[in-house]
N, C-alpha and C. Protein backbone atom coordinates (compact mmCIF):
# COMPACT_ATOMS: atom_id res chain seq x y z
N MET A 1 18.83 -8.93 -21.48
CA MET A 1 19.93 -8.00 -21.34
C MET A 1 21.23 -8.80 -21.42
N VAL A 2 22.14 -8.33 -22.21
CA VAL A 2 23.43 -8.99 -22.38
C VAL A 2 24.34 -8.57 -21.23
N LEU A 3 25.15 -9.50 -20.76
CA LEU A 3 26.00 -9.25 -19.61
C LEU A 3 27.01 -8.13 -19.85
N LYS A 4 27.47 -7.99 -21.09
CA LYS A 4 28.47 -6.94 -21.35
C LYS A 4 27.85 -5.53 -21.28
N ASN A 5 26.52 -5.42 -21.34
CA ASN A 5 25.86 -4.13 -21.22
C ASN A 5 25.49 -3.80 -19.78
N ALA A 6 25.78 -4.70 -18.85
CA ALA A 6 25.40 -4.49 -17.44
C ALA A 6 26.03 -3.22 -16.85
N PRO A 7 27.30 -2.92 -17.09
CA PRO A 7 27.85 -1.68 -16.51
C PRO A 7 27.14 -0.42 -17.02
N VAL A 8 26.70 -0.43 -18.24
CA VAL A 8 25.99 0.72 -18.79
C VAL A 8 24.66 0.90 -18.06
N TRP A 9 23.93 -0.22 -17.90
CA TRP A 9 22.64 -0.15 -17.20
C TRP A 9 22.83 0.25 -15.74
N MET A 10 23.85 -0.29 -15.09
CA MET A 10 24.12 0.05 -13.69
C MET A 10 24.48 1.53 -13.56
N GLY A 11 25.29 2.03 -14.47
CA GLY A 11 25.67 3.44 -14.43
C GLY A 11 24.47 4.35 -14.66
N THR A 12 23.60 3.97 -15.59
CA THR A 12 22.41 4.77 -15.87
C THR A 12 21.46 4.76 -14.68
N ALA A 13 21.23 3.58 -14.11
CA ALA A 13 20.32 3.47 -12.97
C ALA A 13 20.86 4.21 -11.75
N SER A 14 22.14 4.05 -11.44
CA SER A 14 22.70 4.72 -10.27
C SER A 14 22.77 6.23 -10.48
N GLY A 15 23.05 6.68 -11.69
CA GLY A 15 23.06 8.12 -11.97
C GLY A 15 21.68 8.73 -11.83
N THR A 16 20.66 8.02 -12.30
CA THR A 16 19.29 8.51 -12.16
C THR A 16 18.89 8.57 -10.70
N LEU A 17 19.23 7.54 -9.94
CA LEU A 17 18.89 7.50 -8.52
C LEU A 17 19.59 8.62 -7.76
N LEU A 18 20.89 8.79 -7.98
CA LEU A 18 21.63 9.82 -7.25
C LEU A 18 21.19 11.23 -7.63
N SER A 19 20.83 11.44 -8.88
CA SER A 19 20.39 12.78 -9.27
C SER A 19 19.00 13.09 -8.71
N SER A 20 18.15 12.09 -8.54
CA SER A 20 16.83 12.34 -7.99
C SER A 20 16.85 12.48 -6.47
N LEU A 21 17.85 11.93 -5.80
CA LEU A 21 17.95 12.06 -4.35
C LEU A 21 18.15 13.52 -3.94
N GLY A 22 18.80 14.30 -4.76
CA GLY A 22 19.02 15.70 -4.44
C GLY A 22 17.75 16.53 -4.52
N LEU A 23 16.75 16.04 -5.21
CA LEU A 23 15.51 16.78 -5.38
C LEU A 23 14.48 16.50 -4.28
N ILE A 24 14.70 15.44 -3.51
CA ILE A 24 13.74 15.07 -2.46
C ILE A 24 14.04 15.86 -1.20
N ARG A 25 13.03 16.54 -0.69
CA ARG A 25 13.19 17.33 0.53
C ARG A 25 12.69 16.53 1.72
N THR A 26 13.12 16.94 2.90
CA THR A 26 12.73 16.27 4.14
C THR A 26 11.22 16.38 4.36
N GLU A 27 10.65 17.52 3.99
CA GLU A 27 9.20 17.71 4.16
C GLU A 27 8.42 16.71 3.32
N ASP A 28 8.94 16.42 2.13
CA ASP A 28 8.26 15.45 1.26
C ASP A 28 8.27 14.05 1.88
N ILE A 29 9.38 13.71 2.50
CA ILE A 29 9.47 12.38 3.13
C ILE A 29 8.49 12.29 4.30
N PHE A 30 8.45 13.33 5.14
CA PHE A 30 7.51 13.32 6.27
C PHE A 30 6.07 13.29 5.80
N LYS A 31 5.78 14.04 4.74
CA LYS A 31 4.43 14.07 4.21
C LYS A 31 4.04 12.69 3.67
N THR A 32 4.97 12.04 3.00
CA THR A 32 4.70 10.70 2.46
C THR A 32 4.46 9.69 3.58
N VAL A 33 5.28 9.76 4.62
CA VAL A 33 5.11 8.84 5.76
C VAL A 33 3.77 9.08 6.45
N LEU A 34 3.42 10.35 6.64
CA LEU A 34 2.15 10.69 7.29
C LEU A 34 0.96 10.22 6.46
N LEU A 35 0.97 10.49 5.17
CA LEU A 35 -0.14 10.08 4.32
C LEU A 35 -0.24 8.56 4.19
N ALA A 36 0.90 7.88 4.15
CA ALA A 36 0.88 6.42 4.09
C ALA A 36 0.31 5.84 5.38
N SER A 37 0.66 6.44 6.52
CA SER A 37 0.13 5.97 7.81
C SER A 37 -1.37 6.17 7.88
N ILE A 38 -1.83 7.35 7.48
CA ILE A 38 -3.27 7.61 7.49
C ILE A 38 -3.99 6.65 6.56
N GLY A 39 -3.44 6.42 5.38
CA GLY A 39 -4.06 5.49 4.44
C GLY A 39 -4.13 4.08 4.98
N ALA A 40 -3.08 3.63 5.66
CA ALA A 40 -3.07 2.28 6.24
C ALA A 40 -4.10 2.16 7.35
N ILE A 41 -4.21 3.19 8.18
CA ILE A 41 -5.17 3.16 9.29
C ILE A 41 -6.60 3.15 8.76
N VAL A 42 -6.88 4.01 7.79
CA VAL A 42 -8.23 4.06 7.20
C VAL A 42 -8.56 2.74 6.53
N SER A 43 -7.62 2.17 5.81
CA SER A 43 -7.84 0.89 5.14
C SER A 43 -8.14 -0.21 6.16
N PHE A 44 -7.41 -0.23 7.26
CA PHE A 44 -7.63 -1.24 8.29
C PHE A 44 -9.00 -1.08 8.94
N VAL A 45 -9.38 0.15 9.27
CA VAL A 45 -10.67 0.39 9.91
C VAL A 45 -11.82 0.01 8.98
N ILE A 46 -11.73 0.40 7.72
CA ILE A 46 -12.79 0.05 6.76
C ILE A 46 -12.86 -1.46 6.57
N SER A 47 -11.72 -2.12 6.53
CA SER A 47 -11.71 -3.58 6.39
C SER A 47 -12.38 -4.25 7.58
N CYS A 48 -12.08 -3.79 8.79
CA CYS A 48 -12.73 -4.35 9.99
C CYS A 48 -14.23 -4.10 9.97
N PHE A 49 -14.63 -2.90 9.57
CA PHE A 49 -16.04 -2.55 9.50
C PHE A 49 -16.78 -3.43 8.49
N LEU A 50 -16.18 -3.63 7.32
CA LEU A 50 -16.82 -4.47 6.30
C LEU A 50 -16.90 -5.93 6.75
N ASN A 51 -15.87 -6.42 7.44
CA ASN A 51 -15.92 -7.78 7.98
C ASN A 51 -17.03 -7.92 9.01
N LEU A 52 -17.21 -6.91 9.83
CA LEU A 52 -18.28 -6.93 10.83
C LEU A 52 -19.65 -6.97 10.15
N ILE A 53 -19.84 -6.17 9.12
CA ILE A 53 -21.11 -6.16 8.39
C ILE A 53 -21.36 -7.51 7.74
N ILE A 54 -20.34 -8.10 7.14
CA ILE A 54 -20.50 -9.40 6.48
C ILE A 54 -20.85 -10.47 7.51
N LYS A 55 -20.20 -10.45 8.68
CA LYS A 55 -20.50 -11.44 9.72
C LYS A 55 -21.92 -11.29 10.22
N MET A 56 -22.38 -10.04 10.38
CA MET A 56 -23.75 -9.81 10.85
C MET A 56 -24.75 -10.31 9.82
N LYS A 57 -24.50 -10.06 8.54
CA LYS A 57 -25.41 -10.53 7.49
C LYS A 57 -25.44 -12.04 7.42
N ASN A 58 -24.27 -12.68 7.53
CA ASN A 58 -24.21 -14.14 7.50
C ASN A 58 -24.91 -14.74 8.71
N HIS A 59 -24.79 -14.12 9.86
CA HIS A 59 -25.43 -14.61 11.07
C HIS A 59 -26.95 -14.52 10.94
N LYS A 60 -27.45 -13.41 10.41
CA LYS A 60 -28.89 -13.25 10.21
C LYS A 60 -29.40 -14.26 9.18
N PHE A 61 -28.60 -14.49 8.13
CA PHE A 61 -29.01 -15.44 7.10
C PHE A 61 -29.10 -16.85 7.67
N LYS A 62 -28.15 -17.23 8.52
CA LYS A 62 -28.17 -18.56 9.13
C LYS A 62 -29.36 -18.73 10.06
N LYS A 63 -29.67 -17.68 10.85
CA LYS A 63 -30.83 -17.75 11.75
C LYS A 63 -32.11 -17.88 10.94
N HIS A 64 -32.22 -17.10 9.87
CA HIS A 64 -33.40 -17.11 9.03
C HIS A 64 -33.56 -18.48 8.35
N LYS A 65 -32.45 -19.08 7.95
CA LYS A 65 -32.49 -20.38 7.30
C LYS A 65 -32.89 -21.49 8.28
N LYS A 66 -32.48 -21.40 9.55
CA LYS A 66 -32.82 -22.41 10.56
C LYS A 66 -34.31 -22.38 10.90
N ASN A 67 -34.91 -21.21 10.87
CA ASN A 67 -36.33 -21.08 11.23
C ASN A 67 -37.25 -21.69 10.18
N LYS A 68 -36.80 -21.84 8.98
CA LYS A 68 -37.65 -22.39 7.91
C LYS A 68 -37.77 -23.87 7.96
């Protein structure tokens, strides 16, 4: 991007941003925050559960290997 075209790009980007801000409702923001929170919690719980399963499998594998 050439420096002399920077004001054009800035004007286009800021105009697009300001025009889209009028279309966003408060309900949409709350819905997005709620769904993002639920997604983060589910992701964390599944990650902990999978780590627990992997640790249990590795522990059984180590015990089985020591007995041989």
